[in-house]
């Protein structure tokens, strides 16, 4: 049975996708697997972005006909679910939580950031609701265990994990955009001139004051750490 979304649903059926093994349609056994299809899609996204990931391109990469892929991933939405969980294996944590929840969450957040920078398509893929697959669940389980010392209830711990992941995804998206801007000096100069003009027009005094204050060192790691600390301060404050 295909693992896609039934009519009127909000995405692939998670029971079909994660709890039942992917089986090809009857006939000659194909020379590829769902894992190979997913790995090929991830490689395409890493190299060319999510727009490059089409069923036809993935079929070409694994040396198969497009129709033969549909038993494993009947649509791109299902393929994205598989891709997100596939790369989540890189987030595997073997050491148990230390008992210092702030330190543990900092470690997890930095791991997520490095992970998303390796796969720049991930922040966009995570903007829509995803049902966690087995690799994602393993990371979630570790994060929830790390949050145990906070005394938060289960629902609150899930909220903190979702907030942390959204923060990292948003920050990485900004980092990627800033890196692209750095490689376009004309665009960067135009943006600077625009902001200078806005700051001088008298209509935005708060912005003018903010832009006139000394800038912080442009160190991506330090900036991420500073923002993350503020997020964790909010968790601690309840």
Protein backbone atom coordinates (compact mmCIF):
# COMPACT_ATOMS: atom_id res chain seq x y z
CA UNK A 1 0.00 0.00 0.00
CA UNK A 2 1.37 3.42 -0.82
CA UNK A 3 2.63 5.50 2.08
CA UNK A 4 1.27 8.83 0.92
CA UNK A 5 -1.47 11.08 2.21
CA UNK A 6 -5.09 10.03 1.83
CA UNK A 7 -7.42 12.57 0.22
CA UNK A 8 -8.17 15.51 2.52
CA UNK A 9 -5.34 14.72 4.98
CA UNK A 10 -2.60 17.06 6.20
CA UNK A 11 0.28 14.89 5.04
CA UNK A 12 1.47 11.30 4.78
CA UNK A 13 -0.12 8.76 7.09
CA UNK A 14 2.51 8.29 9.86
CA UNK A 15 1.36 4.74 10.62
CA UNK A 16 1.80 3.72 7.02
CA UNK A 17 5.07 5.59 6.69
CA UNK A 18 6.89 4.61 9.88
CA UNK A 19 5.24 1.54 11.38
CA UNK A 20 4.85 -0.61 8.28
CA UNK A 21 7.79 -1.65 6.12
CA UNK A 22 8.01 -0.18 2.64
CA UNK A 23 7.22 -2.89 0.14
CA UNK A 24 7.45 -2.60 -3.64
CA UNK A 25 4.52 -3.55 -5.80
CA UNK A 26 4.37 -7.12 -7.04
CA UNK A 27 6.70 -8.06 -9.81
CA UNK A 28 10.44 -8.18 -10.29
CA UNK A 29 12.30 -7.02 -7.19
CA UNK A 30 13.85 -3.58 -7.86
CA UNK A 31 17.60 -3.00 -7.53
CA UNK A 32 17.09 -0.07 -5.13
CA UNK A 33 15.54 0.51 -1.72
CA UNK A 34 13.68 3.24 0.11
CA UNK A 35 16.95 4.07 1.87
CA UNK A 36 18.74 4.48 -1.47
CA UNK A 37 15.95 6.68 -2.82
CA UNK A 38 16.08 8.87 0.28
CA UNK A 39 19.87 9.12 0.22
CA UNK A 40 19.76 10.18 -3.44
CA UNK A 41 17.16 12.85 -2.65
CA UNK A 42 19.27 14.17 0.24
CA UNK A 43 22.35 14.36 -1.98
CA UNK A 44 20.38 16.33 -4.57
CA UNK A 45 19.02 18.74 -1.97
CA UNK A 46 22.48 19.25 -0.45
CA UNK A 47 23.98 20.05 -3.84
CA UNK A 48 21.19 21.98 -5.54
CA UNK A 49 18.46 22.81 -3.02
CA UNK A 50 14.97 21.44 -2.43
CA UNK A 51 13.64 22.65 -5.79
CA UNK A 52 15.97 20.18 -7.49
CA UNK A 53 14.35 17.26 -5.71
CA UNK A 54 11.72 15.87 -8.05
CA UNK A 55 10.63 12.29 -8.43
CA UNK A 56 12.06 12.28 -11.95
CA UNK A 57 15.48 13.54 -10.82
CA UNK A 58 15.63 11.07 -7.94
CA UNK A 59 14.63 8.21 -10.25
CA UNK A 60 17.46 9.17 -12.60
CA UNK A 61 19.92 9.21 -9.69
CA UNK A 62 19.04 5.67 -8.61
CA UNK A 63 18.74 4.42 -12.18
CA UNK A 64 15.05 3.63 -12.08
CA UNK A 65 11.83 4.58 -13.80
CA UNK A 66 9.73 7.23 -12.09
CA UNK A 67 6.74 4.92 -11.62
CA UNK A 68 8.81 2.36 -9.74
CA UNK A 69 9.54 4.92 -7.01
CA UNK A 70 5.92 5.44 -6.06
CA UNK A 71 5.65 2.29 -3.96
CA UNK A 72 8.26 3.78 -1.64
CA UNK A 73 7.50 7.50 -1.86
CA UNK A 74 4.29 8.31 -3.76
CA UNK A 75 4.81 12.08 -3.61
CA UNK A 76 7.36 14.73 -2.70
CA UNK A 77 5.76 15.37 0.70
CA UNK A 78 6.41 11.77 1.71
CA UNK A 79 9.92 11.98 0.30
CA UNK A 80 10.58 15.08 2.43
CA UNK A 81 9.46 13.20 5.54
CA UNK A 82 11.92 10.44 4.68
CA UNK A 83 14.72 12.93 3.99
CA UNK A 84 14.29 14.80 7.26
CA UNK A 85 14.40 11.61 9.28
CA UNK A 86 17.26 10.19 7.22
CA UNK A 87 19.60 13.07 8.07
CA UNK A 88 18.38 13.12 11.68
CA UNK A 89 20.56 10.06 12.15
CA UNK A 90 23.51 12.48 12.22
CA UNK A 91 22.10 13.95 15.44
CA UNK A 92 22.46 10.70 17.36
CA UNK A 93 23.67 11.23 20.93
CA UNK A 94 25.28 8.31 22.73
CA UNK A 95 26.14 9.93 26.07
CA UNK A 96 23.34 10.29 28.65
CA UNK A 97 22.30 13.77 29.83
CA UNK A 98 24.67 15.30 32.37
CA UNK A 99 21.96 16.60 34.70
CA UNK A 100 22.78 20.21 33.80
CA UNK A 101 19.85 20.92 31.52
CA UNK A 102 21.14 24.29 30.28
CA UNK A 103 24.49 22.81 29.27
CA UNK A 104 22.81 19.82 27.66
CA UNK A 105 20.38 21.97 25.66
CA UNK A 106 23.25 24.20 24.53
CA UNK A 107 25.06 21.12 23.27
CA UNK A 108 21.95 19.89 21.46
CA UNK A 109 21.30 23.30 19.89
CA UNK A 110 24.87 23.61 18.62
CA UNK A 111 24.58 20.10 17.22
CA UNK A 112 21.36 21.07 15.44
CA UNK A 113 22.96 24.22 14.05
CA UNK A 114 25.93 22.32 12.59
CA UNK A 115 23.50 19.74 11.23
CA UNK A 116 21.35 22.35 9.45
CA UNK A 117 24.39 24.15 8.06
CA UNK A 118 25.48 20.83 6.51
CA UNK A 119 22.01 20.49 4.99
CA UNK A 120 20.90 24.06 4.13
CA UNK A 121 17.54 22.82 2.84
CA UNK A 122 16.52 21.56 6.29
CA UNK A 123 15.21 24.83 7.79
CA UNK A 124 12.78 25.21 4.89
CA UNK A 125 11.76 21.55 5.10
CA UNK A 126 10.97 21.96 8.80
CA UNK A 127 8.62 24.93 8.29
CA UNK A 128 5.72 22.55 7.71
CA UNK A 129 4.61 20.02 10.29
CA UNK A 130 6.61 16.80 10.22
CA UNK A 131 5.75 13.54 11.95
CA UNK A 132 8.95 12.41 13.69
CA UNK A 133 10.42 9.22 12.30
CA UNK A 134 12.59 6.79 14.27
CA UNK A 135 15.85 8.78 14.04
CA UNK A 136 14.13 12.05 14.93
CA UNK A 137 12.38 10.35 17.84
CA UNK A 138 15.72 9.19 19.24
CA UNK A 139 16.97 12.79 19.32
CA UNK A 140 13.69 13.99 20.82
CA UNK A 141 13.89 11.33 23.52
CA UNK A 142 17.36 12.52 24.50
CA UNK A 143 16.23 16.16 24.59
CA UNK A 144 13.25 15.32 26.81
CA UNK A 145 15.55 13.41 29.17
CA UNK A 146 17.88 16.41 29.27
CA UNK A 147 14.93 18.59 30.32
CA UNK A 148 13.91 16.34 33.21
CA UNK A 149 15.77 18.42 35.85
CA UNK A 150 13.67 21.47 34.94
CA UNK A 151 10.61 19.93 36.56
CA UNK A 152 8.50 20.95 33.58
CA UNK A 153 5.57 18.74 32.67
CA UNK A 154 5.62 16.69 29.50
CA UNK A 155 3.67 19.16 27.39
CA UNK A 156 5.97 22.01 28.41
CA UNK A 157 9.06 19.96 27.61
CA UNK A 158 7.71 19.23 24.14
CA UNK A 159 7.07 22.95 23.69
CA UNK A 160 10.64 23.78 24.71
CA UNK A 161 12.02 21.26 22.22
CA UNK A 162 9.83 22.67 19.43
CA UNK A 163 10.85 26.21 20.35
CA UNK A 164 14.53 25.27 20.40
CA UNK A 165 14.35 23.59 16.98
CA UNK A 166 12.42 26.53 15.50
CA UNK A 167 14.99 28.96 16.92
CA UNK A 168 17.89 27.02 15.41
CA UNK A 169 16.14 26.70 12.04
CA UNK A 170 15.37 30.41 11.93
CA UNK A 171 18.88 31.37 12.96
CA UNK A 172 20.48 29.09 10.37
CA UNK A 173 18.19 30.49 7.67
CA UNK A 174 19.44 33.97 8.61
CA UNK A 175 23.07 32.77 8.57
CA UNK A 176 22.63 31.30 5.11
CA UNK A 177 21.02 34.51 3.84
CA UNK A 178 23.83 36.62 5.33
CA UNK A 179 26.45 34.39 3.75
CA UNK A 180 24.77 34.85 0.37
CA UNK A 181 24.73 38.61 0.92
CA UNK A 182 28.44 38.58 1.73
CA UNK A 183 29.06 37.06 -1.69
CA UNK A 184 27.08 39.88 -3.33
CA UNK A 185 28.94 43.10 -2.40
CA UNK A 186 26.74 45.29 -4.60
CA UNK A 187 23.60 44.04 -2.88
CA UNK A 188 25.20 44.49 0.55
CA UNK A 189 26.25 48.06 -0.29
CA UNK A 190 22.75 48.89 -1.53
CA UNK A 191 21.26 47.56 1.69
CA UNK A 192 23.65 49.66 3.79
CA UNK A 193 22.76 52.81 1.83
CA UNK A 194 19.06 52.09 2.22
CA UNK A 195 19.29 51.65 5.99
CA UNK A 196 21.40 54.80 6.31
CA UNK A 197 18.74 56.77 4.41
CA UNK A 198 15.95 55.36 6.57
CA UNK A 199 17.88 56.16 9.76
CA UNK A 200 18.34 59.77 8.59
CA UNK A 201 14.74 60.45 7.57
CA UNK A 202 13.62 61.39 11.10
CA UNK A 203 10.67 59.01 11.05
CA UNK A 204 12.48 56.10 12.69
CA UNK A 205 14.34 57.46 15.73
CA UNK A 206 14.52 54.13 17.55
CA UNK A 207 16.01 52.41 14.52
CA UNK A 208 18.43 55.31 14.01
CA UNK A 209 19.58 54.99 17.62
CA UNK A 210 20.01 51.24 17.29
CA UNK A 211 22.02 51.55 14.09
CA UNK A 212 24.22 54.24 15.64
CA UNK A 213 25.18 52.07 18.62
CA UNK A 214 28.47 50.13 18.46
CA UNK A 215 28.06 46.92 16.52
CA UNK A 216 28.91 43.55 18.02
CA UNK A 217 31.70 41.43 16.54
CA UNK A 218 30.40 39.49 13.55
CA UNK A 219 31.25 36.04 14.85
CA UNK A 220 28.57 33.55 13.83
CA UNK A 221 29.26 31.11 16.66
CA UNK A 222 29.26 33.83 19.34
CA UNK A 223 26.06 35.38 17.97
CA UNK A 224 24.30 32.03 18.01
CA UNK A 225 25.46 31.39 21.57
CA UNK A 226 24.24 34.81 22.73
CA UNK A 227 20.77 34.34 21.24
CA UNK A 228 20.58 30.79 22.58
CA UNK A 229 21.41 31.97 26.09
CA UNK A 230 18.47 34.39 25.94
CA UNK A 231 16.17 31.59 24.88
CA UNK A 232 17.31 29.39 27.75
CA UNK A 233 16.90 32.30 30.17
CA UNK A 234 13.25 32.39 29.13
CA UNK A 235 12.86 28.65 29.75
CA UNK A 236 14.40 29.04 33.20
CA UNK A 237 12.12 31.94 34.02
CA UNK A 238 9.15 29.76 33.19
